[in-house]
Amino acid sequence: MIDIKFNEDELKALYLEEVQKRLDKIELQSLLMDSKQLCRMLSLSWPTVEKMFLRDPNFPSIRIGSKWLFNRREVERYINLWSIEIKKKSKGA
């Protein structure tokens, strides 16, 4: 006979961890991000995002009323190109 015992707290922690992983994955797959998601993606504060990116007319942003939305894939492309340019400038300086 096999006797199996579960620690409910550990099981709950594992369950919640897995749920969070799946929620994070779903968020990454979403097409549009709001300003909070953009800040989290870039690891920057909103004032820094405004200063560095929103002033650039080429930055992929959509304003609907007072809300900002950003296409995740377009932002990723923009940031990749931007980082290449920054590296070139820092090597040339």
Protein backbone atom coordinates (compact mmCIF):
# COMPACT_ATOMS: atom_id res chain seq x y z
CA MET A 1 0.00 0.00 0.00
CA ILE A 2 1.25 3.48 -0.92
CA ASP A 3 0.56 6.38 1.38
CA ILE A 4 0.72 9.81 -0.28
CA LYS A 5 0.56 13.02 1.73
CA PHE A 6 0.40 16.57 0.39
CA ASN A 7 1.34 19.76 2.12
CA GLU A 8 -1.57 22.01 1.17
CA ASP A 9 0.43 25.23 1.55
CA GLU A 10 3.19 23.99 -0.74
CA LEU A 11 0.66 22.72 -3.26
CA LYS A 12 -1.15 26.07 -3.21
CA ALA A 13 2.15 27.95 -3.68
CA LEU A 14 3.08 25.76 -6.67
CA TYR A 15 -0.38 26.25 -8.16
CA LEU A 16 -0.25 30.05 -7.77
CA GLU A 17 3.26 30.17 -9.24
CA GLU A 18 2.11 28.24 -12.30
CA VAL A 19 -0.96 30.44 -12.72
CA GLN A 20 1.25 33.56 -12.58
CA LYS A 21 3.59 32.10 -15.22
CA ARG A 22 0.65 31.49 -17.53
CA LEU A 23 -0.76 34.98 -16.94
CA ASP A 24 2.66 36.49 -17.73
CA LYS A 25 2.80 34.45 -20.94
CA ILE A 26 -0.68 35.63 -21.97
CA GLU A 27 0.32 39.23 -21.28
CA LEU A 28 3.39 38.84 -23.49
CA GLN A 29 1.21 37.56 -26.31
CA SER A 30 -1.26 40.44 -26.17
CA LEU A 31 -1.13 42.83 -29.07
CA LEU A 32 -1.57 46.15 -27.26
CA MET A 33 -0.04 47.40 -24.03
CA ASP A 34 -1.05 50.28 -21.83
CA SER A 35 1.43 52.72 -20.29
CA LYS A 36 1.99 50.59 -17.18
CA GLN A 37 2.77 47.51 -19.25
CA LEU A 38 5.14 49.53 -21.44
CA CYS A 39 6.99 50.84 -18.39
CA ARG A 40 7.28 47.31 -17.03
CA MET A 41 8.51 46.00 -20.40
CA LEU A 42 11.17 48.71 -20.65
CA SER A 43 11.98 48.82 -16.92
CA LEU A 44 11.57 52.60 -17.02
CA SER A 45 9.38 55.09 -15.22
CA TRP A 46 6.58 56.84 -17.11
CA PRO A 47 8.31 60.26 -17.02
CA THR A 48 11.42 58.65 -18.56
CA VAL A 49 9.33 56.96 -21.27
CA GLU A 50 7.68 60.30 -22.07
CA LYS A 51 11.02 62.11 -22.22
CA MET A 52 12.91 59.48 -24.23
CA PHE A 53 10.28 58.02 -26.54
CA LEU A 54 6.89 59.74 -26.68
CA ARG A 55 8.42 62.93 -28.05
CA ASP A 56 9.68 60.94 -31.04
CA PRO A 57 6.99 60.94 -33.77
CA ASN A 58 8.33 57.55 -34.98
CA PHE A 59 7.64 55.84 -31.64
CA PRO A 60 4.69 53.46 -32.14
CA SER A 61 2.01 54.94 -29.90
CA ILE A 62 -1.73 55.46 -30.07
CA ARG A 63 -3.55 58.00 -27.93
CA ILE A 64 -7.23 57.39 -27.26
CA GLY A 65 -8.56 60.20 -25.11
CA SER A 66 -6.18 60.39 -22.18
CA LYS A 67 -5.06 56.76 -22.52
CA TRP A 68 -1.91 55.68 -24.33
CA LEU A 69 -1.73 52.31 -26.12
CA PHE A 70 1.30 50.67 -27.70
CA ASN A 71 1.61 47.82 -30.20
CA ARG A 72 3.91 45.34 -28.48
CA ARG A 73 5.66 44.08 -31.62
CA GLU A 74 6.18 47.56 -33.05
CA VAL A 75 7.64 48.76 -29.74
CA GLU A 76 9.99 45.76 -29.66
CA ARG A 77 11.18 46.58 -33.21
CA TYR A 78 11.60 50.25 -32.37
CA ILE A 79 13.57 49.51 -29.19
CA ASN A 80 15.83 47.06 -31.05
CA LEU A 81 16.66 49.70 -33.68
CA TRP A 82 17.01 52.41 -31.03
CA SER A 83 19.44 50.32 -28.98
CA ILE A 84 21.57 49.66 -32.08
CA GLU A 85 21.70 53.41 -32.76
CA ILE A 86 22.62 54.16 -29.14
CA LYS A 87 25.45 51.59 -29.30
CA LYS A 88 26.74 53.12 -32.55
CA LYS A 89 26.69 56.62 -31.03
CA SER A 90 28.46 55.50 -27.85
CA LYS A 91 31.22 53.77 -29.86
CA GLY A 92 31.66 56.82 -32.07
CA ALA A 93 31.83 59.25 -29.16
